[in-house]
Amino acid sequence: MTTAAEQRSLEWLKSADVRPTRQRLALAQLLVGDGENRHVCAESLHEAAQLGESSVSLATVYNTLRVFCDAGLMNEITVDGHKSYFDTRTDEHPHYYWENSSKVTDAPKDAVKFVSLPKAPDGTEVARIDVVIRLREK
């Protein structure tokens, strides 16, 4: 018998034609099984998988997150040029990066407004705009 979380995860993978391997299904269930959006780093997802008794290596987590991003199921958010977070909410929206806790959360979509964008160089187009608003306690 399939649970609602398992079914939601399977449908999420199938929506992007991602082959539902055992490891991908286990990680998808942690990411979207309850229907909520998540911001995770590879290490936190690996830890959650270990706590849930899923046998998934950290390398598999990194590779799976890359597959999910390449398929359009998630977006990568880079902070400081070296730390990546992965967001299951794929529409364009800004993020808060909480420096004191190293967490990423969604910022209100209307928190940032662009009056105009620079003209893209010839032969290119703007693919997306990523905005990270860094916060720290006073």
C-alpha atoms as a PDB file:
ATOM      1  CA  MET A   1       0.000   0.000   0.000  1.00  0.00           C
ATOM      2  CA  THR A   2       1.363   3.400  -0.984  1.00  0.00           C
ATOM      3  CA  THR A   3       1.128   6.291   1.466  1.00  0.00           C
ATOM      4  CA  ALA A   4       0.075   9.786   0.409  1.00  0.00           C
ATOM      5  CA  ALA A   5       3.673  10.983   0.908  1.00  0.00           C
ATOM      6  CA  GLU A   6       5.030   8.197  -1.292  1.00  0.00           C
ATOM      7  CA  GLN A   7       2.444   8.922  -3.980  1.00  0.00           C
ATOM      8  CA  ARG A   8       3.165  12.676  -3.883  1.00  0.00           C
ATOM      9  CA  SER A   9       6.895  11.971  -4.218  1.00  0.00           C
ATOM     10  CA  LEU A  10       6.401   9.582  -7.108  1.00  0.00           C
ATOM     11  CA  GLU A  11       4.180  12.076  -8.945  1.00  0.00           C
ATOM     12  CA  TRP A  12       6.756  14.846  -8.338  1.00  0.00           C
ATOM     13  CA  LEU A  13       9.479  12.757  -9.984  1.00  0.00           C
ATOM     14  CA  LYS A  14       7.234  11.618 -12.839  1.00  0.00           C
ATOM     15  CA  SER A  15       6.203  15.241 -13.549  1.00  0.00           C
ATOM     16  CA  ALA A  16       9.779  15.874 -14.703  1.00  0.00           C
ATOM     17  CA  ASP A  17      10.425  12.426 -16.217  1.00  0.00           C
ATOM     18  CA  VAL A  18      12.922  11.569 -13.461  1.00  0.00           C
ATOM     19  CA  ARG A  19      13.376   7.825 -13.041  1.00  0.00           C
ATOM     20  CA  PRO A  20      12.110   6.913  -9.556  1.00  0.00           C
ATOM     21  CA  THR A  21      15.001   4.892  -8.103  1.00  0.00           C
ATOM     22  CA  ARG A  22      14.838   3.792  -4.475  1.00  0.00           C
ATOM     23  CA  GLN A  23      17.235   6.565  -3.390  1.00  0.00           C
ATOM     24  CA  ARG A  24      15.472   9.271  -5.404  1.00  0.00           C
ATOM     25  CA  LEU A  25      12.109   8.249  -3.976  1.00  0.00           C
ATOM     26  CA  ALA A  26      13.485   8.302  -0.424  1.00  0.00           C
ATOM     27  CA  LEU A  27      14.944  11.794  -0.885  1.00  0.00           C
ATOM     28  CA  ALA A  28      11.870  13.059  -2.753  1.00  0.00           C
ATOM     29  CA  GLN A  29       9.701  11.922   0.132  1.00  0.00           C
ATOM     30  CA  LEU A  30      11.833  13.969   2.547  1.00  0.00           C
ATOM     31  CA  LEU A  31      11.627  16.984   0.228  1.00  0.00           C
ATOM     32  CA  VAL A  32       7.979  17.005  -0.895  1.00  0.00           C
ATOM     33  CA  GLY A  33       6.254  14.124   0.866  1.00  0.00           C
ATOM     34  CA  ASP A  34       4.190  16.396   3.091  1.00  0.00           C
ATOM     35  CA  GLY A  35       3.426  18.898   0.320  1.00  0.00           C
ATOM     36  CA  GLU A  36       5.439  21.691   1.937  1.00  0.00           C
ATOM     37  CA  ASN A  37       8.310  23.573   0.289  1.00  0.00           C
ATOM     38  CA  ARG A  38      11.812  23.019   1.623  1.00  0.00           C
ATOM     39  CA  HIS A  39      15.179  24.780   1.636  1.00  0.00           C
ATOM     40  CA  VAL A  40      17.876  22.212   2.301  1.00  0.00           C
ATOM     41  CA  CYS A  41      21.591  21.800   1.915  1.00  0.00           C
ATOM     42  CA  ALA A  42      22.996  18.433   0.916  1.00  0.00           C
ATOM     43  CA  GLU A  43      24.299  17.789   4.419  1.00  0.00           C
ATOM     44  CA  SER A  44      20.959  18.446   6.124  1.00  0.00           C
ATOM     45  CA  LEU A  45      19.117  16.249   3.615  1.00  0.00           C
ATOM     46  CA  HIS A  46      21.687  13.482   4.139  1.00  0.00           C
ATOM     47  CA  GLU A  47      21.227  13.756   7.907  1.00  0.00           C
ATOM     48  CA  ALA A  48      17.444  13.573   7.560  1.00  0.00           C
ATOM     49  CA  ALA A  49      17.788  10.509   5.345  1.00  0.00           C
ATOM     50  CA  GLN A  50      20.035   8.814   7.917  1.00  0.00           C
ATOM     51  CA  LEU A  51      17.570   9.614  10.716  1.00  0.00           C
ATOM     52  CA  GLY A  52      14.799   8.162   8.593  1.00  0.00           C
ATOM     53  CA  GLU A  53      16.862   5.022   8.125  1.00  0.00           C
ATOM     54  CA  SER A  54      17.378   5.559   4.390  1.00  0.00           C
ATOM     55  CA  SER A  55      20.707   4.188   3.297  1.00  0.00           C
ATOM     56  CA  VAL A  56      21.887   7.027   1.056  1.00  0.00           C
ATOM     57  CA  SER A  57      25.477   8.268   0.849  1.00  0.00           C
ATOM     58  CA  LEU A  58      26.302  11.977   0.882  1.00  0.00           C
ATOM     59  CA  ALA A  59      27.617  11.627  -2.688  1.00  0.00           C
ATOM     60  CA  THR A  60      24.253  10.166  -3.749  1.00  0.00           C
ATOM     61  CA  VAL A  61      22.473  13.091  -2.092  1.00  0.00           C
ATOM     62  CA  TYR A  62      24.627  15.594  -4.031  1.00  0.00           C
ATOM     63  CA  ASN A  63      24.102  13.705  -7.299  1.00  0.00           C
ATOM     64  CA  THR A  64      20.357  13.418  -6.711  1.00  0.00           C
ATOM     65  CA  LEU A  65      19.990  17.117  -5.915  1.00  0.00           C
ATOM     66  CA  ARG A  66      21.806  17.873  -9.191  1.00  0.00           C
ATOM     67  CA  VAL A  67      19.388  15.575 -11.073  1.00  0.00           C
ATOM     68  CA  PHE A  68      16.412  17.277  -9.418  1.00  0.00           C
ATOM     69  CA  CYS A  69      17.750  20.743 -10.322  1.00  0.00           C
ATOM     70  CA  ASP A  70      18.561  19.741 -13.900  1.00  0.00           C
ATOM     71  CA  ALA A  71      15.008  18.376 -14.246  1.00  0.00           C
ATOM     72  CA  GLY A  72      13.508  21.665 -13.001  1.00  0.00           C
ATOM     73  CA  LEU A  73      12.138  20.181  -9.778  1.00  0.00           C
ATOM     74  CA  MET A  74      14.323  22.397  -7.574  1.00  0.00           C
ATOM     75  CA  ASN A  75      16.432  25.532  -7.750  1.00  0.00           C
ATOM     76  CA  GLU A  76      19.909  25.948  -6.332  1.00  0.00           C
ATOM     77  CA  ILE A  77      20.571  29.003  -4.171  1.00  0.00           C
ATOM     78  CA  THR A  78      24.231  29.848  -3.719  1.00  0.00           C
ATOM     79  CA  VAL A  79      25.306  31.809  -0.665  1.00  0.00           C
ATOM     80  CA  ASP A  80      28.835  33.231  -0.415  1.00  0.00           C
ATOM     81  CA  GLY A  81      29.841  31.477  -3.621  1.00  0.00           C
ATOM     82  CA  HIS A  82      30.522  28.208  -1.835  1.00  0.00           C
ATOM     83  CA  LYS A  83      27.453  27.139   0.148  1.00  0.00           C
ATOM     84  CA  SER A  84      24.450  25.869  -1.789  1.00  0.00           C
ATOM     85  CA  TYR A  85      20.888  25.427  -0.652  1.00  0.00           C
ATOM     86  CA  PHE A  86      18.184  23.741  -2.687  1.00  0.00           C
ATOM     87  CA  ASP A  87      14.619  25.025  -2.907  1.00  0.00           C
ATOM     88  CA  THR A  88      11.608  22.928  -3.881  1.00  0.00           C
ATOM     89  CA  ARG A  89       9.680  26.099  -4.729  1.00  0.00           C
ATOM     90  CA  THR A  90      10.647  26.766  -8.342  1.00  0.00           C
ATOM     91  CA  ASP A  91       8.960  30.079  -9.162  1.00  0.00           C
ATOM     92  CA  GLU A  92      11.167  33.170  -9.108  1.00  0.00           C
ATOM     93  CA  HIS A  93      11.201  34.665  -5.620  1.00  0.00           C
ATOM     94  CA  PRO A  94      13.769  36.268  -3.297  1.00  0.00           C
ATOM     95  CA  HIS A  95      15.279  34.583  -0.265  1.00  0.00           C
ATOM     96  CA  TYR A  96      16.459  35.588   3.172  1.00  0.00           C
ATOM     97  CA  TYR A  97      19.757  34.150   4.338  1.00  0.00           C
ATOM     98  CA  TRP A  98      19.915  34.242   8.130  1.00  0.00           C
ATOM     99  CA  GLU A  99      23.633  34.669   8.902  1.00  0.00           C
ATOM    100  CA  ASN A 100      23.339  33.706  12.578  1.00  0.00           C
ATOM    101  CA  SER A 101      21.715  30.342  11.882  1.00  0.00           C
ATOM    102  CA  SER A 102      22.847  29.696   8.269  1.00  0.00           C
ATOM    103  CA  LYS A 103      19.236  29.123   7.213  1.00  0.00           C
ATOM    104  CA  VAL A 104      17.472  30.128   4.010  1.00  0.00           C
ATOM    105  CA  THR A 105      13.804  31.083   3.931  1.00  0.00           C
ATOM    106  CA  ASP A 106      11.519  32.619   1.345  1.00  0.00           C
ATOM    107  CA  ALA A 107      11.213  36.390   1.334  1.00  0.00           C
ATOM    108  CA  PRO A 108       7.922  37.940   0.246  1.00  0.00           C
ATOM    109  CA  LYS A 109       7.713  37.903  -3.533  1.00  0.00           C
ATOM    110  CA  ASP A 110       7.036  41.657  -3.598  1.00  0.00           C
ATOM    111  CA  ALA A 111      10.042  42.385  -1.341  1.00  0.00           C
ATOM    112  CA  VAL A 112      12.189  43.217  -4.367  1.00  0.00           C
ATOM    113  CA  LYS A 113      11.141  45.210  -7.399  1.00  0.00           C
ATOM    114  CA  PHE A 114      13.293  45.881 -10.435  1.00  0.00           C
ATOM    115  CA  VAL A 115      12.718  49.086 -12.336  1.00  0.00           C
ATOM    116  CA  SER A 116      14.689  47.709 -15.254  1.00  0.00           C
ATOM    117  CA  LEU A 117      17.290  45.122 -16.100  1.00  0.00           C
ATOM    118  CA  PRO A 118      20.492  45.730 -18.017  1.00  0.00           C
ATOM    119  CA  LYS A 119      20.369  44.704 -21.655  1.00  0.00           C
ATOM    120  CA  ALA A 120      21.664  41.175 -22.036  1.00  0.00           C
ATOM    121  CA  PRO A 121      24.719  40.857 -24.290  1.00  0.00           C
ATOM    122  CA  ASP A 122      24.018  39.939 -27.898  1.00  0.00           C
ATOM    123  CA  GLY A 123      23.085  36.310 -28.339  1.00  0.00           C
ATOM    124  CA  THR A 124      21.984  35.894 -24.706  1.00  0.00           C
ATOM    125  CA  GLU A 125      18.889  36.332 -22.593  1.00  0.00           C
ATOM    126  CA  VAL A 126      18.254  36.638 -18.873  1.00  0.00           C
ATOM    127  CA  ALA A 127      17.481  33.126 -17.644  1.00  0.00           C
ATOM    128  CA  ARG A 128      16.489  34.063 -14.110  1.00  0.00           C
ATOM    129  CA  ILE A 129      17.296  36.503 -11.339  1.00  0.00           C
ATOM    130  CA  ASP A 130      18.385  35.215  -7.950  1.00  0.00           C
ATOM    131  CA  VAL A 131      18.158  37.566  -4.986  1.00  0.00           C
ATOM    132  CA  VAL A 132      19.468  36.666  -1.542  1.00  0.00           C
ATOM    133  CA  ILE A 133      18.852  39.194   1.242  1.00  0.00           C
ATOM    134  CA  ARG A 134      21.294  38.615   4.082  1.00  0.00           C
ATOM    135  CA  LEU A 135      19.993  39.153   7.604  1.00  0.00           C
ATOM    136  CA  ARG A 136      21.769  39.238  10.972  1.00  0.00           C
ATOM    137  CA  GLU A 137      20.732  40.056  14.494  1.00  0.00           C
ATOM    138  CA  LYS A 138      21.448  43.580  15.727  1.00  0.00           C
END
